[in-house]
Amino acid sequence: HVEIENVIETLHKQAMRVIPLDAFYVTLYDSASGRLTYPLYYEGGKRYKESTTIMKRGTFLSRTIESASPLLINRTPEELGSPAMPANALGDTARKSASLMFAPMQCARSFAVR
């Protein structure tokens, strides 16, 4: 577990060097149980504790995992003004992100999304 912790912390540091990030998280997907685990989640410079949820079909995250393809979402001003939040929103759910980037990474036969 310490090895994966170091890898994902390095991912976070390297991503911060390339692009400004308000939030950053890594998701591990267990296909047998359908569970998503978030071993690394930063928002506003604060690190949050690990949590686990069940993957919900039709979400940006499930689309990324199922297609094994990156996904970039740039929300319109209308979408940002809409009160509805995704069912799997993390962190400060009172604030919508203007853009979202999902990048699947495959390890053996498993995927991690950040």
Protein backbone atom coordinates (compact mmCIF):
# COMPACT_ATOMS: atom_id res chain seq x y z
CA HIS A 1 0.00 0.00 0.00
CA VAL A 2 2.93 2.36 0.66
CA GLU A 3 4.21 1.87 -2.90
CA ILE A 4 0.92 2.92 -4.51
CA GLU A 5 0.72 5.85 -2.09
CA ASN A 6 4.10 7.09 -3.34
CA VAL A 7 3.10 6.63 -6.99
CA ILE A 8 -0.11 8.61 -6.68
CA GLU A 9 1.54 11.38 -4.64
CA THR A 10 4.10 11.65 -7.45
CA LEU A 11 1.27 11.83 -10.01
CA HIS A 12 -0.24 14.71 -8.06
CA LYS A 13 3.06 16.62 -7.82
CA GLN A 14 3.82 16.15 -11.52
CA ALA A 15 0.32 17.19 -12.59
CA MET A 16 0.62 20.36 -10.47
CA ARG A 17 3.80 21.26 -12.37
CA VAL A 18 1.95 21.13 -15.70
CA ILE A 19 -1.54 22.49 -15.05
CA PRO A 20 -3.25 24.53 -12.32
CA LEU A 21 -5.53 22.25 -10.31
CA ASP A 22 -8.30 23.25 -7.92
CA ALA A 23 -8.96 19.59 -7.19
CA PHE A 24 -7.14 16.35 -7.94
CA TYR A 25 -8.07 12.79 -7.14
CA VAL A 26 -7.11 9.26 -8.01
CA THR A 27 -9.79 6.60 -8.20
CA LEU A 28 -9.14 2.86 -8.03
CA TYR A 29 -11.83 0.65 -9.55
CA ASP A 30 -12.55 -2.90 -8.37
CA SER A 31 -14.50 -4.51 -11.22
CA ALA A 32 -15.47 -7.54 -9.12
CA SER A 33 -17.36 -5.44 -6.55
CA GLY A 34 -18.05 -2.31 -8.61
CA ARG A 35 -16.39 -0.26 -5.87
CA LEU A 36 -14.48 2.97 -6.39
CA THR A 37 -11.83 3.87 -3.84
CA TYR A 38 -10.28 7.33 -3.61
CA PRO A 39 -6.86 6.88 -1.97
CA LEU A 40 -5.81 10.43 -2.89
CA TYR A 41 -8.08 13.45 -3.01
CA TYR A 42 -6.98 17.09 -2.82
CA GLU A 43 -9.21 20.13 -3.07
CA GLY A 44 -8.18 23.70 -2.35
CA GLY A 45 -4.76 22.48 -1.21
CA LYS A 46 -6.28 20.24 1.49
CA ARG A 47 -5.95 16.46 1.44
CA TYR A 48 -9.05 14.46 2.30
CA LYS A 49 -9.35 10.99 3.79
CA GLU A 50 -9.88 7.93 1.63
CA SER A 51 -13.45 7.03 0.84
CA THR A 52 -15.24 4.27 -1.08
CA THR A 53 -18.39 4.35 -3.21
CA ILE A 54 -20.16 2.16 -5.75
CA MET A 55 -19.69 3.13 -9.40
CA LYS A 56 -22.87 4.65 -10.84
CA ARG A 57 -23.55 4.04 -14.54
CA GLY A 58 -23.73 7.05 -16.83
CA THR A 59 -21.34 9.25 -14.83
CA PHE A 60 -18.24 10.83 -16.36
CA LEU A 61 -16.14 8.48 -14.25
CA SER A 62 -17.97 5.34 -15.40
CA ARG A 63 -17.74 6.49 -19.03
CA THR A 64 -13.97 6.89 -18.63
CA ILE A 65 -13.53 3.48 -16.98
CA GLU A 66 -15.79 1.64 -19.43
CA SER A 67 -14.24 3.20 -22.54
CA ALA A 68 -10.64 3.24 -21.23
CA SER A 69 -10.39 6.64 -22.94
CA PRO A 70 -9.63 10.10 -21.55
CA LEU A 71 -12.48 12.53 -21.15
CA LEU A 72 -12.42 16.35 -21.02
CA ILE A 73 -15.53 18.25 -19.95
CA ASN A 74 -15.74 22.04 -20.28
CA ARG A 75 -19.00 23.19 -18.75
CA THR A 76 -21.00 25.99 -20.30
CA PRO A 77 -22.08 29.03 -18.24
CA GLU A 78 -25.59 27.54 -18.22
CA GLU A 79 -24.32 24.23 -16.82
CA LEU A 80 -22.31 26.07 -14.16
CA GLY A 81 -25.44 28.01 -13.15
CA SER A 82 -27.57 24.89 -12.88
CA PRO A 83 -28.22 23.74 -9.29
CA ALA A 84 -28.02 20.01 -10.12
CA MET A 85 -24.83 18.23 -9.03
CA PRO A 86 -23.65 14.84 -10.24
CA ALA A 87 -24.63 11.90 -8.04
CA ASN A 88 -20.98 11.08 -7.39
CA ALA A 89 -19.70 14.62 -6.67
CA LEU A 90 -16.76 14.81 -4.27
CA GLY A 91 -15.54 17.54 -1.96
CA ASP A 92 -17.17 20.97 -1.97
CA THR A 93 -20.48 20.12 -3.67
CA ALA A 94 -21.60 23.75 -3.36
CA ARG A 95 -19.07 24.65 -6.08
CA LYS A 96 -19.07 23.16 -9.58
CA SER A 97 -15.83 22.78 -11.49
CA ALA A 98 -15.77 24.62 -14.81
CA SER A 99 -13.72 21.86 -16.38
CA LEU A 100 -13.06 18.22 -15.60
CA MET A 101 -10.36 15.94 -16.96
CA PHE A 102 -10.42 12.16 -16.59
CA ALA A 103 -7.40 10.09 -17.66
CA PRO A 104 -7.55 6.31 -17.29
CA MET A 105 -4.37 4.45 -16.40
CA GLN A 106 -4.30 0.69 -16.71
CA CYS A 107 -2.27 -1.44 -14.33
CA ALA A 108 -2.26 -5.11 -15.30
CA ARG A 109 -5.98 -5.57 -15.92
CA SER A 110 -7.18 -2.80 -13.60
CA PHE A 111 -7.78 0.91 -14.16
CA ALA A 112 -7.11 3.96 -12.09
CA VAL A 113 -8.58 7.32 -13.06
CA ARG A 114 -7.32 10.71 -12.05
